[in-house]
Amino acid sequence: MNDERIVRLEEKVAYLERHVTAQDKVMLELGDAVVRLRAELRMLRERASESGSSVGRDEGSDLKDERPPHY
């Protein structure tokens, strides 16, 4: 009885260790993805601000007030 209980506990511990290792791997991948997405977002924001200033609009005009190109 005691040996059977120890075997079940060892199986549970092995399962939990495998699960934690898999979670660690996923968390590292998600962290890398967040870093890449932040860099991409920063680049897109810079590109948008550069294109917004180089369009040649009047200084007083706002992007919300511009008509879409299909009008």
PDB file of N, CA and C in Angstrom:
ATOM      1  N   MET A   1       0.821  -1.192   0.000  1.00  0.00           N
ATOM      2  CA  MET A   1       0.000   0.000   0.000  1.00  0.00           C
ATOM      3  C   MET A   1       0.860   1.249   0.000  1.00  0.00           C
ATOM      4  N   ASN A   2       1.857   1.260   0.827  1.00  0.00           N
ATOM      5  CA  ASN A   2       2.726   2.416   0.939  1.00  0.00           C
ATOM      6  C   ASN A   2       3.537   2.610  -0.349  1.00  0.00           C
ATOM      7  N   ASP A   3       4.004   1.501  -0.932  1.00  0.00           N
ATOM      8  CA  ASP A   3       4.783   1.586  -2.174  1.00  0.00           C
ATOM      9  C   ASP A   3       3.917   2.101  -3.328  1.00  0.00           C
ATOM     10  N   GLU A   4       2.680   1.661  -3.356  1.00  0.00           N
ATOM     11  CA  GLU A   4       1.767   2.116  -4.410  1.00  0.00           C
ATOM     12  C   GLU A   4       1.521   3.621  -4.307  1.00  0.00           C
ATOM     13  N   ARG A   5       1.376   4.105  -3.104  1.00  0.00           N
ATOM     14  CA  ARG A   5       1.158   5.536  -2.883  1.00  0.00           C
ATOM     15  C   ARG A   5       2.384   6.343  -3.314  1.00  0.00           C
ATOM     16  N   ILE A   6       3.542   5.848  -3.017  1.00  0.00           N
ATOM     17  CA  ILE A   6       4.777   6.538  -3.403  1.00  0.00           C
ATOM     18  C   ILE A   6       4.903   6.570  -4.923  1.00  0.00           C
ATOM     19  N   VAL A   7       4.561   5.489  -5.579  1.00  0.00           N
ATOM     20  CA  VAL A   7       4.626   5.430  -7.039  1.00  0.00           C
ATOM     21  C   VAL A   7       3.669   6.447  -7.645  1.00  0.00           C
ATOM     22  N   ARG A   8       2.449   6.546  -7.114  1.00  0.00           N
ATOM     23  CA  ARG A   8       1.488   7.527  -7.624  1.00  0.00           C
ATOM     24  C   ARG A   8       1.997   8.952  -7.415  1.00  0.00           C
ATOM     25  N   LEU A   9       2.586   9.221  -6.276  1.00  0.00           N
ATOM     26  CA  LEU A   9       3.139  10.553  -6.019  1.00  0.00           C
ATOM     27  C   LEU A   9       4.293  10.868  -6.969  1.00  0.00           C
ATOM     28  N   GLU A  10       5.144   9.891  -7.206  1.00  0.00           N
ATOM     29  CA  GLU A  10       6.253  10.094  -8.143  1.00  0.00           C
ATOM     30  C   GLU A  10       5.742  10.366  -9.552  1.00  0.00           C
ATOM     31  N   GLU A  11       4.686   9.672  -9.958  1.00  0.00           N
ATOM     32  CA  GLU A  11       4.086   9.911 -11.270  1.00  0.00           C
ATOM     33  C   GLU A  11       3.524  11.330 -11.359  1.00  0.00           C
ATOM     34  N   LYS A  12       2.861  11.762 -10.303  1.00  0.00           N
ATOM     35  CA  LYS A  12       2.309  13.116 -10.294  1.00  0.00           C
ATOM     36  C   LYS A  12       3.416  14.168 -10.359  1.00  0.00           C
ATOM     37  N   VAL A  13       4.469  13.946  -9.613  1.00  0.00           N
ATOM     38  CA  VAL A  13       5.587  14.888  -9.625  1.00  0.00           C
ATOM     39  C   VAL A  13       6.218  14.938 -11.014  1.00  0.00           C
ATOM     40  N   ALA A  14       6.389  13.787 -11.651  1.00  0.00           N
ATOM     41  CA  ALA A  14       6.966  13.749 -12.996  1.00  0.00           C
ATOM     42  C   ALA A  14       6.073  14.489 -13.981  1.00  0.00           C
ATOM     43  N   TYR A  15       4.768  14.288 -13.859  1.00  0.00           N
ATOM     44  CA  TYR A  15       3.829  14.988 -14.736  1.00  0.00           C
ATOM     45  C   TYR A  15       3.919  16.494 -14.514  1.00  0.00           C
ATOM     46  N   LEU A  16       3.930  16.931 -13.266  1.00  0.00           N
ATOM     47  CA  LEU A  16       3.992  18.356 -12.957  1.00  0.00           C
ATOM     48  C   LEU A  16       5.307  18.973 -13.428  1.00  0.00           C
ATOM     49  N   GLU A  17       6.407  18.250 -13.293  1.00  0.00           N
ATOM     50  CA  GLU A  17       7.692  18.771 -13.776  1.00  0.00           C
ATOM     51  C   GLU A  17       7.665  18.947 -15.287  1.00  0.00           C
ATOM     52  N   ARG A  18       7.084  18.001 -15.995  1.00  0.00           N
ATOM     53  CA  ARG A  18       6.969  18.109 -17.452  1.00  0.00           C
ATOM     54  C   ARG A  18       6.074  19.288 -17.832  1.00  0.00           C
ATOM     55  N   HIS A  19       4.994  19.451 -17.081  1.00  0.00           N
ATOM     56  CA  HIS A  19       4.059  20.547 -17.342  1.00  0.00           C
ATOM     57  C   HIS A  19       4.736  21.906 -17.104  1.00  0.00           C
ATOM     58  N   VAL A  20       5.478  22.034 -16.030  1.00  0.00           N
ATOM     59  CA  VAL A  20       6.173  23.286 -15.726  1.00  0.00           C
ATOM     60  C   VAL A  20       7.213  23.587 -16.796  1.00  0.00           C
ATOM     61  N   THR A  21       7.917  22.578 -17.261  1.00  0.00           N
ATOM     62  CA  THR A  21       8.914  22.782 -18.316  1.00  0.00           C
ATOM     63  C   THR A  21       8.242  23.269 -19.599  1.00  0.00           C
ATOM     64  N   ALA A  22       7.108  22.687 -19.938  1.00  0.00           N
ATOM     65  CA  ALA A  22       6.374  23.117 -21.134  1.00  0.00           C
ATOM     66  C   ALA A  22       5.874  24.552 -20.973  1.00  0.00           C
ATOM     67  N   GLN A  23       5.390  24.899 -19.792  1.00  0.00           N
ATOM     68  CA  GLN A  23       4.930  26.263 -19.553  1.00  0.00           C
ATOM     69  C   GLN A  23       6.079  27.254 -19.638  1.00  0.00           C
ATOM     70  N   ASP A  24       7.234  26.897 -19.104  1.00  0.00           N
ATOM     71  CA  ASP A  24       8.401  27.773 -19.188  1.00  0.00           C
ATOM     72  C   ASP A  24       8.767  28.051 -20.640  1.00  0.00           C
ATOM     73  N   LYS A  25       8.718  27.017 -21.458  1.00  0.00           N
ATOM     74  CA  LYS A  25       9.049  27.182 -22.874  1.00  0.00           C
ATOM     75  C   LYS A  25       8.061  28.137 -23.551  1.00  0.00           C
ATOM     76  N   VAL A  26       6.790  27.951 -23.265  1.00  0.00           N
ATOM     77  CA  VAL A  26       5.765  28.811 -23.866  1.00  0.00           C
ATOM     78  C   VAL A  26       5.931  30.249 -23.377  1.00  0.00           C
ATOM     79  N   MET A  27       6.212  30.439 -22.100  1.00  0.00           N
ATOM     80  CA  MET A  27       6.388  31.792 -21.562  1.00  0.00           C
ATOM     81  C   MET A  27       7.583  32.483 -22.206  1.00  0.00           C
ATOM     82  N   LEU A  28       8.665  31.771 -22.439  1.00  0.00           N
ATOM     83  CA  LEU A  28       9.822  32.361 -23.117  1.00  0.00           C
ATOM     84  C   LEU A  28       9.473  32.759 -24.545  1.00  0.00           C
ATOM     85  N   GLU A  29       8.735  31.902 -25.245  1.00  0.00           N
ATOM     86  CA  GLU A  29       8.306  32.227 -26.606  1.00  0.00           C
ATOM     87  C   GLU A  29       7.399  33.450 -26.618  1.00  0.00           C
ATOM     88  N   LEU A  30       6.478  33.528 -25.666  1.00  0.00           N
ATOM     89  CA  LEU A  30       5.579  34.685 -25.595  1.00  0.00           C
ATOM     90  C   LEU A  30       6.355  35.959 -25.267  1.00  0.00           C
ATOM     91  N   GLY A  31       7.336  35.854 -24.396  1.00  0.00           N
ATOM     92  CA  GLY A  31       8.162  37.013 -24.076  1.00  0.00           C
ATOM     93  C   GLY A  31       8.904  37.516 -25.300  1.00  0.00           C
ATOM     94  N   ASP A  32       9.470  36.597 -26.081  1.00  0.00           N
ATOM     95  CA  ASP A  32      10.147  36.983 -27.321  1.00  0.00           C
ATOM     96  C   ASP A  32       9.171  37.631 -28.300  1.00  0.00           C
ATOM     97  N   ALA A  33       7.972  37.092 -28.381  1.00  0.00           N
ATOM     98  CA  ALA A  33       6.966  37.659 -29.281  1.00  0.00           C
ATOM     99  C   ALA A  33       6.586  39.072 -28.855  1.00  0.00           C
ATOM    100  N   VAL A  34       6.469  39.303 -27.558  1.00  0.00           N
ATOM    101  CA  VAL A  34       6.134  40.632 -27.057  1.00  0.00           C
ATOM    102  C   VAL A  34       7.246  41.622 -27.404  1.00  0.00           C
ATOM    103  N   VAL A  35       8.484  41.206 -27.247  1.00  0.00           N
ATOM    104  CA  VAL A  35       9.608  42.082 -27.585  1.00  0.00           C
ATOM    105  C   VAL A  35       9.575  42.434 -29.066  1.00  0.00           C
ATOM    106  N   ARG A  36       9.353  41.429 -29.927  1.00  0.00           N
ATOM    107  CA  ARG A  36       9.289  41.686 -31.369  1.00  0.00           C
ATOM    108  C   ARG A  36       8.116  42.601 -31.719  1.00  0.00           C
ATOM    109  N   LEU A  37       6.958  42.365 -31.105  1.00  0.00           N
ATOM    110  CA  LEU A  37       5.786  43.177 -31.403  1.00  0.00           C
ATOM    111  C   LEU A  37       5.964  44.615 -30.928  1.00  0.00           C
ATOM    112  N   ARG A  38       6.604  44.805 -29.784  1.00  0.00           N
ATOM    113  CA  ARG A  38       6.877  46.172 -29.320  1.00  0.00           C
ATOM    114  C   ARG A  38       7.806  46.902 -30.280  1.00  0.00           C
ATOM    115  N   ALA A  39       8.830  46.210 -30.748  1.00  0.00           N
ATOM    116  CA  ALA A  39       9.747  46.833 -31.704  1.00  0.00           C
ATOM    117  C   ALA A  39       9.014  47.184 -32.996  1.00  0.00           C
ATOM    118  N   GLU A  40       8.164  46.289 -33.467  1.00  0.00           N
ATOM    119  CA  GLU A  40       7.407  46.553 -34.690  1.00  0.00           C
ATOM    120  C   GLU A  40       6.437  47.712 -34.488  1.00  0.00           C
ATOM    121  N   LEU A  41       5.785  47.757 -33.338  1.00  0.00           N
ATOM    122  CA  LEU A  41       4.863  48.851 -33.049  1.00  0.00           C
ATOM    123  C   LEU A  41       5.607  50.181 -32.994  1.00  0.00           C
ATOM    124  N   ARG A  42       6.779  50.188 -32.369  1.00  0.00           N
ATOM    125  CA  ARG A  42       7.577  51.404 -32.306  1.00  0.00           C
ATOM    126  C   ARG A  42       7.963  51.865 -33.709  1.00  0.00           C
ATOM    127  N   MET A  43       8.371  50.919 -34.563  1.00  0.00           N
ATOM    128  CA  MET A  43       8.745  51.248 -35.931  1.00  0.00           C
ATOM    129  C   MET A  43       7.543  51.802 -36.700  1.00  0.00           C
ATOM    130  N   LEU A  44       6.380  51.176 -36.547  1.00  0.00           N
ATOM    131  CA  LEU A  44       5.184  51.647 -37.245  1.00  0.00           C
ATOM    132  C   LEU A  44       4.765  53.030 -36.774  1.00  0.00           C
ATOM    133  N   ARG A  45       4.884  53.278 -35.471  1.00  0.00           N
ATOM    134  CA  ARG A  45       4.549  54.606 -34.960  1.00  0.00           C
ATOM    135  C   ARG A  45       5.506  55.659 -35.513  1.00  0.00           C
ATOM    136  N   GLU A  46       6.795  55.327 -35.564  1.00  0.00           N
ATOM    137  CA  GLU A  46       7.764  56.262 -36.123  1.00  0.00           C
ATOM    138  C   GLU A  46       7.477  56.512 -37.600  1.00  0.00           C
ATOM    139  N   ARG A  47       7.185  55.459 -38.323  1.00  0.00           N
ATOM    140  CA  ARG A  47       6.883  55.595 -39.748  1.00  0.00           C
ATOM    141  C   ARG A  47       5.626  56.436 -39.960  1.00  0.00           C
ATOM    142  N   ALA A  48       4.615  56.223 -39.113  1.00  0.00           N
ATOM    143  CA  ALA A  48       3.381  56.991 -39.233  1.00  0.00           C
ATOM    144  C   ALA A  48       3.618  58.462 -38.918  1.00  0.00           C
ATOM    145  N   SER A  49       4.426  58.732 -37.911  1.00  0.00           N
ATOM    146  CA  SER A  49       4.676  60.135 -37.579  1.00  0.00           C
ATOM    147  C   SER A  49       5.533  60.802 -38.652  1.00  0.00           C
ATOM    148  N   GLU A  50       6.462  60.054 -39.253  1.00  0.00           N
ATOM    149  CA  GLU A  50       7.275  60.604 -40.332  1.00  0.00           C
ATOM    150  C   GLU A  50       6.430  60.864 -41.570  1.00  0.00           C
ATOM    151  N   SER A  51       5.568  59.934 -41.915  1.00  0.00           N
ATOM    152  CA  SER A  51       4.743  60.115 -43.104  1.00  0.00           C
ATOM    153  C   SER A  51       3.710  61.210 -42.880  1.00  0.00           C
ATOM    154  N   GLY A  52       3.251  61.355 -41.658  1.00  0.00           N
ATOM    155  CA  GLY A  52       2.294  62.404 -41.348  1.00  0.00           C
ATOM    156  C   GLY A  52       2.915  63.778 -41.463  1.00  0.00           C
ATOM    157  N   SER A  53       4.183  63.894 -41.147  1.00  0.00           N
ATOM    158  CA  SER A  53       4.822  65.208 -41.220  1.00  0.00           C
ATOM    159  C   SER A  53       5.342  65.499 -42.617  1.00  0.00           C
ATOM    160  N   SER A  54       5.550  64.492 -43.447  1.00  0.00           N
ATOM    161  CA  SER A  54       6.113  64.722 -44.773  1.00  0.00           C
ATOM    162  C   SER A  54       5.068  64.729 -45.882  1.00  0.00           C
ATOM    163  N   VAL A  55       3.805  64.662 -45.545  1.00  0.00           N
ATOM    164  CA  VAL A  55       2.747  64.630 -46.550  1.00  0.00           C
ATOM    165  C   VAL A  55       2.607  65.983 -47.219  1.00  0.00           C
ATOM    166  N   GLY A  56       2.985  67.050 -46.537  1.00  0.00           N
ATOM    167  CA  GLY A  56       2.872  68.375 -47.108  1.00  0.00           C
ATOM    168  C   GLY A  56       1.535  69.018 -46.832  1.00  0.00           C
ATOM    169  N   ARG A  57       0.915  68.620 -45.769  1.00  0.00           N
ATOM    170  CA  ARG A  57      -0.365  69.203 -45.389  1.00  0.00           C
ATOM    171  C   ARG A  57      -0.124  70.575 -44.784  1.00  0.00           C
ATOM    172  N   ASP A  58      -1.189  71.333 -44.703  1.00  0.00           N
ATOM    173  CA  ASP A  58      -1.110  72.606 -43.999  1.00  0.00           C
ATOM    174  C   ASP A  58      -0.807  72.330 -42.544  1.00  0.00           C
ATOM    175  N   GLU A  59      -0.128  73.246 -41.916  1.00  0.00           N
ATOM    176  CA  GLU A  59       0.238  73.053 -40.519  1.00  0.00           C
ATOM    177  C   GLU A  59      -0.992  72.969 -39.622  1.00  0.00           C
ATOM    178  N   GLY A  60      -2.064  73.654 -39.971  1.00  0.00           N
ATOM    179  CA  GLY A  60      -3.245  73.672 -39.129  1.00  0.00           C
ATOM    180  C   GLY A  60      -4.202  72.528 -39.373  1.00  0.00           C
ATOM    181  N   SER A  61      -4.036  71.796 -40.467  1.00  0.00           N
ATOM    182  CA  SER A  61      -4.988  70.732 -40.780  1.00  0.00           C
ATOM    183  C   SER A  61      -4.739  69.516 -39.901  1.00  0.00           C
ATOM    184  N   ASP A  62      -5.788  68.785 -39.676  1.00  0.00           N
ATOM    185  CA  ASP A  62      -5.714  67.603 -38.838  1.00  0.00           C
ATOM    186  C   ASP A  62      -6.032  66.386 -39.699  1.00  0.00           C
ATOM    187  N   LEU A  63      -5.433  65.269 -39.385  1.00  0.00           N
ATOM    188  CA  LEU A  63      -5.637  64.048 -40.164  1.00  0.00           C
ATOM    189  C   LEU A  63      -7.104  63.617 -40.126  1.00  0.00           C
ATOM    190  N   LYS A  64      -7.806  63.894 -39.035  1.00  0.00           N
ATOM    191  CA  LYS A  64      -9.221  63.524 -38.938  1.00  0.00           C
ATOM    192  C   LYS A  64     -10.066  64.299 -39.950  1.00  0.00           C
ATOM    193  N   ASP A  65      -9.614  65.512 -40.304  1.00  0.00           N
ATOM    194  CA  ASP A  65     -10.391  66.354 -41.201  1.00  0.00           C
ATOM    195  C   ASP A  65     -10.127  66.063 -42.674  1.00  0.00           C
ATOM    196  N   GLU A  66      -9.129  65.267 -42.964  1.00  0.00           N
ATOM    197  CA  GLU A  66      -8.817  64.974 -44.370  1.00  0.00           C
ATOM    198  C   GLU A  66      -9.828  63.991 -44.945  1.00  0.00           C
ATOM    199  N   ARG A  67     -10.102  64.146 -46.225  1.00  0.00           N
ATOM    200  CA  ARG A  67     -11.012  63.236 -46.901  1.00  0.00           C
ATOM    201  C   ARG A  67     -10.234  62.001 -47.344  1.00  0.00           C
ATOM    202  N   PRO A  68     -10.849  60.851 -47.312  1.00  0.00           N
ATOM    203  CA  PRO A  68     -10.192  59.640 -47.799  1.00  0.00           C
ATOM    204  C   PRO A  68      -9.892  59.779 -49.296  1.00  0.00           C
ATOM    205  N   PRO A  69      -8.910  59.053 -49.821  1.00  0.00           N
ATOM    206  CA  PRO A  69      -8.509  59.197 -51.206  1.00  0.00           C
ATOM    207  C   PRO A  69      -9.589  58.821 -52.222  1.00  0.00           C
ATOM    208  N   HIS A  70     -10.587  58.054 -51.850  1.00  0.00           N
ATOM    209  CA  HIS A  70     -11.599  57.629 -52.809  1.00  0.00           C
ATOM    210  C   HIS A  70     -12.700  58.660 -53.016  1.00  0.00           C
ATOM    211  N   TYR A  71     -12.623  59.823 -52.346  1.00  0.00           N
ATOM    212  CA  TYR A  71     -13.639  60.869 -52.556  1.00  0.00           C
ATOM    213  C   TYR A  71     -13.252  61.774 -53.660  1.00  0.00           C
TER     214      TYR A  71
END
